[in-house]
Amino acid sequence: MYAVSTGEGETIPVPIGFYYVGGKIKQGVVISDNEADRYEVGVDKTTHEYATKLKGNQFVWIPCKIEDYKKIDWRKRKCKMGYRNKSIGICSGSKI
């Protein structure tokens, strides 16, 4: 990991091999695995216009508080119709 300053006193951790594209912690930060997508001063690459032209795979880091996090175990959901694949825990051909 290395630290990147997003401005306004914010610093985010970015994994080695990834590049900060844009965004702020409060709204979400975009990183990419392609150096060509790296942040450029004065260019907001998080807009639709730029995002559709980025070269690598982008990932969005959205902050959340632990008290807002809720894990859902989808394997325990009941299928209304269709069949349940127990080996991978999903319903097929049905609505949950």
Protein backbone atom coordinates (compact mmCIF):
# COMPACT_ATOMS: atom_id res chain seq x y z
CA MET A 1 0.00 0.00 0.00
CA TYR A 2 1.01 3.58 -0.51
CA ALA A 3 -0.71 6.79 0.57
CA VAL A 4 -2.26 9.23 -1.90
CA SER A 5 -3.49 12.70 -0.97
CA THR A 6 -6.86 13.53 -2.51
CA GLY A 7 -6.65 17.12 -1.27
CA GLU A 8 -8.64 18.77 1.50
CA GLY A 9 -6.52 16.89 4.07
CA GLU A 10 -7.60 13.44 2.88
CA THR A 11 -5.16 10.57 2.41
CA ILE A 12 -6.22 7.18 1.09
CA PRO A 13 -4.39 3.85 0.95
CA VAL A 14 -3.87 2.52 -2.58
CA PRO A 15 -2.62 -1.04 -3.20
CA ILE A 16 0.73 -1.41 -5.00
CA GLY A 17 0.05 -1.90 -8.72
CA PHE A 18 -3.03 0.36 -8.66
CA TYR A 19 -3.36 4.07 -9.36
CA TYR A 20 -5.59 6.78 -7.91
CA VAL A 21 -8.01 7.97 -10.62
CA GLY A 22 -10.13 10.47 -8.66
CA GLY A 23 -12.86 11.03 -6.16
CA LYS A 24 -13.11 11.99 -2.51
CA ILE A 25 -13.45 9.76 0.53
CA LYS A 26 -16.98 10.92 1.34
CA GLN A 27 -18.36 10.16 -2.17
CA GLY A 28 -16.08 7.27 -3.10
CA VAL A 29 -12.58 6.92 -4.50
CA VAL A 30 -11.79 5.34 -7.87
CA ILE A 31 -8.59 3.37 -8.44
CA SER A 32 -7.40 1.56 -11.58
CA ASP A 33 -4.94 -1.19 -12.42
CA ASN A 34 -3.70 0.77 -15.47
CA GLU A 35 -1.20 3.61 -15.04
CA ALA A 36 -2.71 5.43 -18.05
CA ASP A 37 -5.80 6.11 -15.87
CA ARG A 38 -3.75 7.87 -13.17
CA TYR A 39 -5.12 11.14 -11.74
CA GLU A 40 -4.25 14.34 -13.60
CA VAL A 41 -4.49 17.70 -11.87
CA GLY A 42 -7.56 19.59 -13.08
CA VAL A 43 -9.13 16.57 -14.84
CA ASP A 44 -12.07 14.81 -13.17
CA LYS A 45 -11.81 11.28 -14.54
CA THR A 46 -14.76 10.13 -12.42
CA THR A 47 -17.29 11.74 -14.77
CA HIS A 48 -19.10 9.59 -17.33
CA GLU A 49 -17.25 11.34 -20.16
CA TYR A 50 -13.85 10.22 -18.86
CA ALA A 51 -14.87 6.98 -17.13
CA THR A 52 -15.95 5.44 -20.44
CA LYS A 53 -12.48 6.11 -21.88
CA LEU A 54 -10.36 4.68 -19.06
CA LYS A 55 -8.03 1.85 -20.08
CA GLY A 56 -7.83 -0.42 -17.03
CA ASN A 57 -10.19 -2.07 -14.58
CA GLN A 58 -11.60 0.45 -12.14
CA PHE A 59 -12.59 -0.19 -8.57
CA VAL A 60 -14.55 2.11 -6.29
CA TRP A 61 -13.74 2.31 -2.61
CA ILE A 62 -16.78 3.56 -0.70
CA PRO A 63 -16.31 4.24 2.99
CA CYS A 64 -18.77 2.83 5.48
CA LYS A 65 -19.05 2.65 9.23
CA ILE A 66 -18.92 -0.73 10.92
CA GLU A 67 -22.33 -0.08 12.49
CA ASP A 68 -23.82 0.40 8.98
CA TYR A 69 -22.34 -2.86 7.66
CA LYS A 70 -24.75 -5.76 7.44
CA LYS A 71 -23.61 -9.13 6.15
CA ILE A 72 -26.23 -11.20 4.35
CA ASP A 73 -25.75 -14.94 4.06
CA TRP A 74 -27.49 -15.56 0.73
CA ARG A 75 -27.00 -19.31 1.06
CA LYS A 76 -29.73 -19.46 3.70
CA ARG A 77 -32.34 -17.77 1.51
CA LYS A 78 -35.30 -19.89 0.40
CA CYS A 79 -36.10 -20.31 -3.27
CA LYS A 80 -39.74 -19.72 -4.22
CA MET A 81 -39.49 -21.81 -7.38
CA GLY A 82 -36.81 -23.34 -9.52
CA TYR A 83 -33.99 -25.23 -7.85
CA ARG A 84 -31.30 -24.46 -5.37
CA ASN A 85 -27.72 -25.36 -6.11
CA LYS A 86 -26.51 -26.34 -2.65
CA SER A 87 -22.87 -26.55 -3.69
CA ILE A 88 -22.69 -22.84 -4.53
CA GLY A 89 -25.66 -21.63 -2.53
CA ILE A 90 -27.69 -19.91 -5.24
CA CYS A 91 -31.19 -20.20 -6.64
CA SER A 92 -31.52 -20.78 -10.34
CA GLY A 93 -34.49 -19.92 -12.48
CA SER A 94 -36.36 -18.37 -9.60
CA LYS A 95 -36.92 -15.26 -7.56
CA ILE A 96 -35.58 -15.07 -4.05
